[in-house]
N, C-alpha and C. Protein backbone atom coordinates (compact mmCIF):
# COMPACT_ATOMS: atom_id res chain seq x y z
N MET A 1 55.82 295.34 41.80
CA MET A 1 56.88 295.13 40.86
C MET A 1 58.34 294.88 41.75
N ASP A 2 58.99 293.90 41.65
CA ASP A 2 60.38 293.83 42.16
C ASP A 2 61.46 293.76 41.22
N GLY A 3 62.64 294.29 41.68
CA GLY A 3 63.75 294.32 40.64
C GLY A 3 64.80 294.91 41.44
N SER A 4 66.21 294.91 40.72
CA SER A 4 67.07 295.50 41.38
C SER A 4 68.10 296.12 40.31
N ILE A 5 68.84 296.85 40.64
CA ILE A 5 69.97 297.60 39.85
C ILE A 5 71.21 297.63 40.64
N LYS A 6 72.39 296.90 40.03
CA LYS A 6 73.33 296.82 41.15
C LYS A 6 74.39 297.22 40.40
N LEU A 7 75.50 297.92 41.15
CA LEU A 7 76.70 298.57 40.99
C LEU A 7 77.85 298.08 41.92
N ASP A 8 78.63 297.35 41.59
CA ASP A 8 79.69 297.04 42.55
C ASP A 8 79.32 296.05 43.63
N GLY A 9 78.16 295.53 43.41
CA GLY A 9 77.42 294.68 44.56
C GLY A 9 76.39 295.47 45.32
N LYS A 10 76.13 296.61 45.13
CA LYS A 10 75.19 297.49 45.92
C LYS A 10 74.01 297.69 44.94
N ASP A 11 72.83 297.58 45.66
CA ASP A 11 71.52 297.85 45.08
C ASP A 11 71.22 299.26 45.11
N LEU A 12 71.31 299.81 43.87
CA LEU A 12 71.03 301.30 43.61
C LEU A 12 69.49 301.62 43.92
N VAL A 13 68.61 300.53 43.80
CA VAL A 13 67.01 301.02 43.93
C VAL A 13 67.07 301.45 45.43
N THR A 14 67.88 301.08 46.43
CA THR A 14 67.77 301.49 47.81
C THR A 14 68.28 302.85 48.04
N TYR A 15 69.12 303.55 46.94
CA TYR A 15 69.76 304.64 47.30
C TYR A 15 68.88 305.90 47.16
N GLY A 16 69.12 306.82 47.89
CA GLY A 16 68.45 308.04 47.79
C GLY A 16 69.01 309.07 46.84
N GLU A 17 68.15 310.35 46.83
CA GLU A 17 68.50 311.08 45.95
C GLU A 17 70.07 311.63 45.97
N LYS A 18 70.47 312.04 47.35
CA LYS A 18 72.07 312.44 47.66
C LYS A 18 72.94 311.15 47.10
N GLU A 19 72.62 310.31 47.54
CA GLU A 19 73.48 309.28 47.15
C GLU A 19 73.64 308.88 45.52
N LEU A 20 72.61 308.99 44.94
CA LEU A 20 72.45 308.69 43.58
C LEU A 20 73.23 309.88 42.86
N CYS A 21 73.06 311.06 43.20
CA CYS A 21 73.59 312.32 42.63
C CYS A 21 75.44 311.97 42.80
N SER A 22 75.73 311.51 43.93
CA SER A 22 77.06 311.33 43.74
C SER A 22 77.72 310.29 43.10
N ILE A 23 76.93 309.35 42.36
CA ILE A 23 77.41 308.42 41.51
C ILE A 23 77.31 308.86 39.92
N ARG A 24 76.26 309.64 39.82
CA ARG A 24 75.98 310.31 38.44
C ARG A 24 76.98 310.75 37.93
N GLY A 25 77.40 310.55 36.77
CA GLY A 25 78.47 311.01 35.83
C GLY A 25 79.96 310.54 36.41
N ASN A 26 80.12 310.05 37.62
CA ASN A 26 81.44 309.60 37.92
C ASN A 26 81.40 307.82 37.61
N ASP A 27 80.41 307.36 38.17
CA ASP A 27 80.14 305.67 38.14
C ASP A 27 79.32 305.34 37.09
N VAL A 28 78.13 306.30 37.00
CA VAL A 28 77.17 305.80 36.03
C VAL A 28 76.91 307.14 35.13
N SER A 29 76.52 306.83 33.97
CA SER A 29 76.32 307.82 32.76
C SER A 29 75.45 307.07 31.54
N MET A 30 74.86 307.99 30.69
CA MET A 30 74.19 307.28 29.64
C MET A 30 74.83 307.74 28.41
N ILE A 31 75.01 306.87 27.49
CA ILE A 31 75.37 306.80 26.24
C ILE A 31 74.40 306.41 25.03
N PHE A 32 74.29 307.62 24.28
CA PHE A 32 72.85 307.41 23.44
C PHE A 32 73.23 306.63 22.23
N GLN A 33 72.20 305.94 21.88
CA GLN A 33 72.18 304.90 20.61
C GLN A 33 72.63 305.60 19.39
N GLU A 34 72.32 306.94 19.33
CA GLU A 34 72.67 307.69 18.11
C GLU A 34 73.46 308.98 18.69
N PRO A 35 74.80 308.82 18.69
CA PRO A 35 75.64 309.78 19.41
C PRO A 35 75.95 310.93 18.46
N MET A 36 75.75 310.67 17.12
CA MET A 36 76.37 311.75 16.20
C MET A 36 75.63 313.21 16.32
N PRO A 37 74.28 313.06 16.62
CA PRO A 37 73.55 314.44 16.83
C PRO A 37 74.10 315.20 18.21
N HIS A 38 74.58 314.58 19.10
CA HIS A 38 74.93 315.06 20.19
C HIS A 38 76.57 315.50 20.38
N LEU A 39 77.42 315.24 18.99
CA LEU A 39 78.58 315.32 19.29
C LEU A 39 78.96 316.45 17.94
N ILE A 40 78.00 317.49 17.68
CA ILE A 40 78.43 318.26 16.88
C ILE A 40 79.55 319.45 17.34
N PRO A 41 80.56 319.58 16.55
CA PRO A 41 81.71 320.06 17.01
C PRO A 41 81.76 321.95 16.93
N PHE A 42 80.51 322.32 16.92
CA PHE A 42 80.32 323.67 16.91
C PHE A 42 80.33 324.35 18.29
């Protein structure tokens, strides 16, 4: 199975764990489709 995931022209499939950790949260993050359960203001 072939494929690619590109960010700023760079293929993230070739990144190692250390490189992926450096972009998580800063450049790449997840937004859930149902955000309200995760935004409880308690």
